[in-house]
């Protein structure tokens, strides 16, 4: 089968690999029908994820059809359409029992697919702990509707869940990339009084204004003054930092009111400085990533009810044998791209 593979720093390549086989009684083999490219894949490509293993198949955003299951898999069966979770988690250790599945104590716990074990930019993928990592897609939900459930939508849902938003709040979301939009959609479910999105890209600003006209949009240059002046308590009650830059990290806490909650959703390339003398007296609460992706069944229910729709994020579609072109467009932000859907059967 064809598999897009991490060869070495700076190089991915589409190569032939054998179809995966079950290794444990809780594994499943999934025929991948649709996948996507994540910014985290680019971090692997350029050496920003030291734990990533050369030779692994990349990709951790996918949906598919269960083809085979181990004897101890109880919740899915061959023929089921499923989402695949970005995280591997056993469901039994201390962290899993408390909902902290990103910190699962299994050696492959947390983000493993497409990083430490073979991922899903290919035709078939082995999913460990399938009862935890797979969720049934309702018949009325399409592959495209479900595509982001296991990763960026789970991230946005988790971020909103831990944010302590109330209906009286002013909420600031910094960054309107795909994860930022997924965060925005999940924030909107909680009905805060006001939502402000900060974004630099003119194309993304147009996207937010077109699809979410109830949301206010500002650029980074005007964000701090706008939020501080227009918020009743001198800043946002809750801030989500989803952009991942040194400037946006600082902007996040500067735009927060005293005693606000700042959620750091972004994955940073470099260490960030927390200038405590400058922040003294603000009494901020910081909550950091990464995602605990254990809400996928609830997210699918909300999609089925029509309360979440991420399909507008899919701006480009390619077959697997054109994945190099898909990466080029996504990495260089060409042609107004937000997210790419890749059909995992070559030539489709």
Protein backbone atom coordinates (compact mmCIF):
# COMPACT_ATOMS: atom_id res chain seq x y z
CA UNK A 1 0.00 0.00 0.00
CA UNK A 2 1.07 3.62 -0.49
CA UNK A 3 2.11 5.45 2.68
CA UNK A 4 3.35 9.01 3.12
CA UNK A 5 6.46 8.52 5.24
CA UNK A 6 8.86 10.55 7.37
CA UNK A 7 12.25 9.76 5.80
CA UNK A 8 14.46 12.29 7.57
CA UNK A 9 14.33 15.89 8.73
CA UNK A 10 12.98 17.95 5.86
CA UNK A 11 11.82 14.97 3.79
CA UNK A 12 8.56 13.07 3.50
CA UNK A 13 8.05 10.57 0.69
CA UNK A 14 5.19 8.46 -0.69
CA UNK A 15 6.46 4.89 -0.61
CA UNK A 16 5.13 1.32 -0.68
CA UNK A 17 4.66 -0.40 2.68
CA UNK A 18 3.02 -3.66 3.70
CA UNK A 19 -0.53 -3.52 5.02
CA UNK A 20 -0.48 -3.40 8.84
CA UNK A 21 -1.49 -6.40 10.93
CA UNK A 22 -3.01 -6.76 14.39
CA UNK A 23 -0.35 -6.80 17.12
CA UNK A 24 -2.54 -6.98 20.20
CA UNK A 25 -5.98 -8.17 21.19
CA UNK A 26 -7.22 -4.58 21.60
CA UNK A 27 -6.04 -3.42 18.15
CA UNK A 28 -8.13 -2.70 15.08
CA UNK A 29 -7.19 -2.32 11.43
CA UNK A 30 -8.99 0.57 9.75
CA UNK A 31 -9.21 1.18 6.01
CA UNK A 32 -8.68 4.93 5.80
CA UNK A 33 -11.20 6.62 3.54
CA UNK A 34 -10.37 10.27 4.18
CA UNK A 35 -7.52 12.06 5.89
CA UNK A 36 -6.09 15.52 6.27
CA UNK A 37 -2.84 17.40 6.83
CA UNK A 38 -2.15 19.05 10.18
CA UNK A 39 0.35 21.73 11.10
CA UNK A 40 1.82 19.15 13.49
CA UNK A 41 2.80 17.09 10.42
CA UNK A 42 4.84 20.08 9.27
CA UNK A 43 6.48 20.29 12.69
CA UNK A 44 7.60 16.66 12.23
CA UNK A 45 8.90 17.35 8.74
CA UNK A 46 11.07 20.22 9.91
CA UNK A 47 12.44 18.57 13.04
CA UNK A 48 10.19 20.28 15.56
CA UNK A 49 9.01 17.00 17.12
CA UNK A 50 12.11 15.20 18.45
CA UNK A 51 10.12 12.12 19.51
CA UNK A 52 8.90 11.53 15.94
CA UNK A 53 10.44 8.37 14.51
CA UNK A 54 11.97 8.34 11.00
CA UNK A 55 10.31 5.68 8.91
CA UNK A 56 6.83 6.14 10.38
CA UNK A 57 3.81 6.86 8.22
CA UNK A 58 2.65 10.37 9.09
CA UNK A 59 -0.89 11.62 9.56
CA UNK A 60 -3.26 11.66 12.53
CA UNK A 61 -6.46 13.22 11.14
CA UNK A 62 -8.58 10.52 9.53
CA UNK A 63 -11.82 8.61 9.26
CA UNK A 64 -12.34 5.15 7.82
CA UNK A 65 -14.00 1.75 7.96
CA UNK A 66 -13.07 -0.97 10.45
CA UNK A 67 -11.66 -3.97 8.59
CA UNK A 68 -10.44 -6.22 11.40
CA UNK A 69 -10.48 -6.24 15.20
CA UNK A 70 -8.63 -8.03 17.97
CA UNK A 71 -10.50 -10.47 20.18
CA UNK A 72 -10.85 -7.99 23.06
CA UNK A 73 -12.34 -5.14 21.00
CA UNK A 74 -16.00 -4.81 22.02
CA UNK A 75 -17.33 -1.46 20.80
CA UNK A 76 -16.58 -1.55 17.07
CA UNK A 77 -16.76 -4.31 14.47
CA UNK A 78 -15.72 -4.81 10.84
CA UNK A 79 -17.77 -2.59 8.52
CA UNK A 80 -18.26 0.23 11.04
CA UNK A 81 -17.50 3.79 9.90
CA UNK A 82 -15.32 5.44 12.53
CA UNK A 83 -13.34 8.48 13.48
CA UNK A 84 -9.77 7.86 14.65
CA UNK A 85 -8.51 9.66 17.74
CA UNK A 86 -5.21 11.52 17.55
CA UNK A 87 -4.31 10.04 20.94
CA UNK A 88 -3.64 6.51 22.03
CA UNK A 89 -4.99 5.78 25.50
CA UNK A 90 -5.66 2.61 27.46
CA UNK A 91 -8.68 3.85 29.41
CA UNK A 92 -7.48 2.14 32.60
CA UNK A 93 -4.47 3.97 34.07
CA UNK A 94 -4.68 6.81 36.63
CA UNK A 95 -4.61 9.51 33.97
CA UNK A 96 -7.21 7.87 31.71
CA UNK A 97 -9.58 7.28 34.63
CA UNK A 98 -9.45 11.00 35.40
CA UNK A 99 -9.97 12.07 31.78
CA UNK A 100 -6.34 13.11 31.24
CA UNK A 101 -5.92 10.79 28.28
CA UNK A 102 -3.11 12.82 26.73
CA UNK A 103 -0.97 11.58 29.61
CA UNK A 104 -1.91 7.89 29.36
CA UNK A 105 0.76 5.81 31.08
CA UNK A 106 1.01 3.34 28.19
CA UNK A 107 4.40 3.55 26.40
CA UNK A 108 2.54 4.75 23.32
CA UNK A 109 0.11 6.90 25.30
CA UNK A 110 -0.73 10.37 24.05
CA UNK A 111 0.03 11.42 20.51
CA UNK A 112 1.46 8.29 18.91
CA UNK A 113 -0.27 7.85 15.54
CA UNK A 114 1.79 9.48 12.83
CA UNK A 115 4.51 10.38 15.31
CA UNK A 116 5.84 7.29 17.10
CA UNK A 117 3.77 4.61 15.35
CA UNK A 118 2.47 4.48 11.78
CA UNK A 119 -0.28 6.98 11.12
CA UNK A 120 -3.03 7.50 8.61
CA UNK A 121 -1.78 9.20 5.44
CA UNK A 122 -2.06 5.80 3.83
CA UNK A 123 -4.64 3.17 2.90
CA UNK A 124 -4.73 1.20 6.17
CA UNK A 125 -3.80 2.00 9.78
CA UNK A 126 -3.46 -0.07 12.95
CA UNK A 127 -5.19 1.59 15.91
CA UNK A 128 -4.14 0.38 19.39
CA UNK A 129 -6.81 0.36 22.12
CA UNK A 130 -9.48 0.55 19.45
CA UNK A 131 -12.37 0.80 21.92
CA UNK A 132 -10.84 4.06 23.16
CA UNK A 133 -9.44 5.42 19.90
CA UNK A 134 -12.36 4.77 17.54
CA UNK A 135 -15.83 6.33 17.60
CA UNK A 136 -18.81 5.32 15.47
CA UNK A 137 -19.87 7.88 12.86
CA UNK A 138 -23.68 8.26 12.72
CA UNK A 139 -25.24 7.28 9.40
CA UNK A 140 -26.38 10.85 8.74
CA UNK A 141 -22.85 12.29 9.19
CA UNK A 142 -20.51 12.30 6.19
CA UNK A 143 -16.80 11.55 6.22
CA UNK A 144 -16.04 15.23 5.62
CA UNK A 145 -18.29 16.28 8.52
CA UNK A 146 -16.47 13.84 10.82
CA UNK A 147 -12.93 14.34 9.53
CA UNK A 148 -11.66 16.68 12.26
CA UNK A 149 -13.40 15.05 15.23
CA UNK A 150 -10.34 13.11 16.44
CA UNK A 151 -7.87 16.00 16.43
CA UNK A 152 -8.49 19.71 15.89
CA UNK A 153 -12.18 19.59 16.79
CA UNK A 154 -11.40 17.53 19.88
CA UNK A 155 -8.78 20.18 20.70
CA UNK A 156 -11.27 23.03 20.40
CA UNK A 157 -13.86 21.15 22.44
CA UNK A 158 -11.35 20.33 25.18
CA UNK A 159 -10.13 23.95 25.29
CA UNK A 160 -13.68 25.27 25.64
CA UNK A 161 -14.48 22.64 28.27
CA UNK A 162 -11.62 23.66 30.60
CA UNK A 163 -12.08 27.39 30.04
CA UNK A 164 -14.79 28.13 32.64
CA UNK A 165 -16.73 30.32 30.15
CA UNK A 166 -19.98 31.87 31.42
CA UNK A 167 -22.74 33.55 29.42
CA UNK A 168 -21.63 36.93 30.80
CA UNK A 169 -18.09 36.65 29.44
CA UNK A 170 -16.09 38.40 26.77
CA UNK A 171 -13.97 35.74 25.05
CA UNK A 172 -10.92 36.39 22.88
CA UNK A 173 -9.67 33.76 20.42
CA UNK A 174 -6.19 34.55 19.05
CA UNK A 175 -5.64 32.81 15.72
CA UNK A 176 -8.20 31.87 13.05
CA UNK A 177 -6.46 28.92 11.48
CA UNK A 178 -8.26 25.60 11.43
CA UNK A 179 -7.70 24.88 15.14
CA UNK A 180 -8.70 28.44 15.98
CA UNK A 181 -11.94 28.05 14.06
CA UNK A 182 -12.66 24.72 15.75
CA UNK A 183 -12.05 26.42 19.10
CA UNK A 184 -14.35 29.25 18.06
CA UNK A 185 -17.14 26.81 17.13
CA UNK A 186 -16.89 25.14 20.54
CA UNK A 187 -16.77 28.48 22.34
CA UNK A 188 -19.95 29.50 20.52
CA UNK A 189 -21.73 26.47 21.98
CA UNK A 190 -21.27 28.00 25.43
CA UNK A 191 -22.98 31.26 24.38
CA UNK A 192 -20.69 33.89 25.92
CA UNK A 193 -21.94 37.45 25.69
CA UNK A 194 -19.22 38.50 23.28
CA UNK A 195 -16.58 36.80 21.13
CA UNK A 196 -13.59 38.55 19.55
CA UNK A 197 -11.28 36.82 17.07
CA UNK A 198 -7.76 38.17 16.47
CA UNK A 199 -6.20 37.28 13.12
CA UNK A 200 -3.53 38.72 10.81
CA UNK A 201 -4.38 37.03 7.50
CA UNK A 202 -6.82 38.99 5.35
CA UNK A 203 -8.11 35.73 3.83
CA UNK A 204 -8.86 34.24 7.23
CA UNK A 205 -10.47 37.48 8.38
CA UNK A 206 -12.79 37.31 5.37
CA UNK A 207 -13.53 33.66 6.17
CA UNK A 208 -14.55 34.45 9.76
CA UNK A 209 -16.69 37.42 8.73
CA UNK A 210 -18.41 35.38 6.02
CA UNK A 211 -19.20 32.32 8.11
CA UNK A 212 -19.53 33.76 11.63
CA UNK A 213 -20.90 37.31 11.27
CA UNK A 214 -21.87 37.45 14.96
CA UNK A 215 -18.17 37.44 15.90
CA UNK A 216 -16.03 40.58 16.06
CA UNK A 217 -12.67 40.42 14.23
CA UNK A 218 -9.55 42.49 14.89
CA UNK A 219 -5.92 42.41 13.74
CA UNK A 220 -3.04 41.85 16.19
CA UNK A 221 -2.05 45.50 15.89
CA UNK A 222 -5.42 46.73 17.15
CA UNK A 223 -6.33 43.79 19.38
CA UNK A 224 -4.99 44.91 22.76
CA UNK A 225 -6.44 48.40 22.66
CA UNK A 226 -9.76 47.17 21.29
CA UNK A 227 -10.22 44.44 23.90
CA UNK A 228 -9.06 46.49 26.86
CA UNK A 229 -11.16 49.52 25.91
CA UNK A 230 -14.32 47.68 24.95
CA UNK A 231 -14.45 45.08 27.73
CA UNK A 232 -16.33 46.07 30.90
CA UNK A 233 -13.57 44.85 33.24
CA UNK A 234 -10.43 45.95 31.41
CA UNK A 235 -9.84 42.86 29.31
CA UNK A 236 -11.24 39.56 28.16
CA UNK A 237 -12.62 37.16 30.76
CA UNK A 238 -11.26 34.16 28.85
CA UNK A 239 -8.46 34.14 26.25
CA UNK A 240 -7.58 31.26 23.91
CA UNK A 241 -4.08 31.47 22.40
CA UNK A 242 -4.23 29.30 19.28
CA UNK A 243 -1.69 31.06 17.05
CA UNK A 244 1.53 29.83 18.64
CA UNK A 245 3.85 32.82 18.26
CA UNK A 246 6.00 34.69 20.75
CA UNK A 247 4.04 37.87 20.08
CA UNK A 248 0.68 36.14 20.41
CA UNK A 249 1.75 34.47 23.65
CA UNK A 250 2.37 37.89 25.17
CA UNK A 251 -0.75 39.34 23.58
CA UNK A 252 -2.86 36.66 25.24
CA UNK A 253 -2.05 37.61 28.81
CA UNK A 254 -1.91 41.34 28.04
CA UNK A 255 -5.50 41.21 26.74
CA UNK A 256 -6.78 39.28 29.76
CA UNK A 257 -8.50 41.09 32.60
CA UNK A 258 -7.25 40.49 36.16
CA UNK A 259 -8.19 37.00 37.39
CA UNK A 260 -8.97 35.82 33.87
CA UNK A 261 -8.35 32.39 32.42
CA UNK A 262 -5.80 32.06 29.60
CA UNK A 263 -5.91 28.80 27.63
CA UNK A 264 -2.71 27.98 25.73
CA UNK A 265 -3.98 25.78 22.91
CA UNK A 266 -1.11 26.37 20.48
CA UNK A 267 1.92 24.15 19.97
CA UNK A 268 5.01 26.38 20.23
CA UNK A 269 8.23 25.89 18.30
CA UNK A 270 10.34 27.50 21.04
CA UNK A 271 10.15 28.10 24.80
CA UNK A 272 8.11 31.13 25.82
CA UNK A 273 8.95 33.60 28.60
CA UNK A 274 6.47 34.24 31.37
CA UNK A 275 7.47 37.76 32.56
CA UNK A 276 6.13 37.53 36.09
CA UNK A 277 7.19 41.05 37.18
CA UNK A 278 5.19 42.54 34.30
CA UNK A 279 2.20 40.38 35.19
CA UNK A 280 2.27 40.93 38.92
CA UNK A 281 -1.18 41.62 40.31
CA UNK A 282 -3.12 40.29 37.35
CA UNK A 283 -3.61 36.97 39.15
CA UNK A 284 -4.11 35.05 35.94
CA UNK A 285 -4.92 31.38 35.60
CA UNK A 286 -3.02 29.65 32.78
CA UNK A 287 -4.20 26.31 31.39
CA UNK A 288 -1.93 24.56 28.95
CA UNK A 289 -2.15 21.87 26.21
CA UNK A 290 -2.27 19.31 24.92
CA UNK A 291 -5.69 18.05 24.19
CA UNK A 292 -7.41 15.35 26.21
CA UNK A 293 -9.34 13.88 23.29
CA UNK A 294 -11.97 11.92 25.19
CA UNK A 295 -15.07 13.82 24.04
CA UNK A 296 -15.34 12.47 20.49
CA UNK A 297 -18.67 10.70 20.99
CA UNK A 298 -20.21 13.93 22.31
CA UNK A 299 -18.73 15.91 19.41
CA UNK A 300 -20.20 13.47 16.89
CA UNK A 301 -23.59 13.82 18.58
CA UNK A 302 -23.39 17.60 18.23
CA UNK A 303 -22.44 17.27 14.55
CA UNK A 304 -25.39 14.94 14.00
CA UNK A 305 -27.67 17.54 15.64
CA UNK A 306 -26.34 20.26 13.34
CA UNK A 307 -24.73 22.25 16.16
CA UNK A 308 -21.15 21.96 14.80
CA UNK A 309 -20.15 22.11 11.15
CA UNK A 310 -16.49 22.14 10.15
CA UNK A 311 -16.98 21.37 6.45
CA UNK A 312 -16.36 25.02 5.41
CA UNK A 313 -12.77 24.51 6.60
CA UNK A 314 -12.14 22.02 3.78
CA UNK A 315 -10.99 24.25 0.95
CA UNK A 316 -8.99 21.71 -1.11
CA UNK A 317 -9.35 18.02 -1.96
CA UNK A 318 -6.75 15.60 -3.36
CA UNK A 319 -6.22 11.86 -3.86
CA UNK A 320 -3.38 10.14 -1.99
CA UNK A 321 -1.14 9.99 -5.03
CA UNK A 322 -1.21 13.82 -5.18
CA UNK A 323 -0.40 14.32 -1.50
CA UNK A 324 2.89 16.09 -2.33
CA UNK A 325 0.90 18.82 -4.07
CA UNK A 326 -1.50 18.94 -1.14
CA UNK A 327 1.41 19.47 1.27
CA UNK A 328 2.92 22.19 -0.90
CA UNK A 329 -0.33 24.14 -0.95
CA UNK A 330 -0.99 23.65 2.76
CA UNK A 331 2.53 24.44 3.96
CA UNK A 332 2.86 27.57 1.83
CA UNK A 333 -0.70 28.74 2.50
CA UNK A 334 -1.45 28.97 -1.19
CA UNK A 335 -4.78 29.53 -2.90
CA UNK A 336 -6.63 30.49 0.29
CA UNK A 337 -6.14 27.05 1.81
CA UNK A 338 -7.45 26.30 5.29
CA UNK A 339 -7.64 22.50 5.38
CA UNK A 340 -7.01 19.80 2.80
CA UNK A 341 -8.98 16.55 2.54
CA UNK A 342 -7.03 13.61 1.10
CA UNK A 343 -8.88 10.57 -0.25
CA UNK A 344 -6.68 7.67 0.78
CA UNK A 345 -7.22 5.54 -2.30
CA UNK A 346 -4.73 6.64 -4.94
CA UNK A 347 -6.27 8.15 -8.03
CA UNK A 348 -9.67 8.94 -6.45
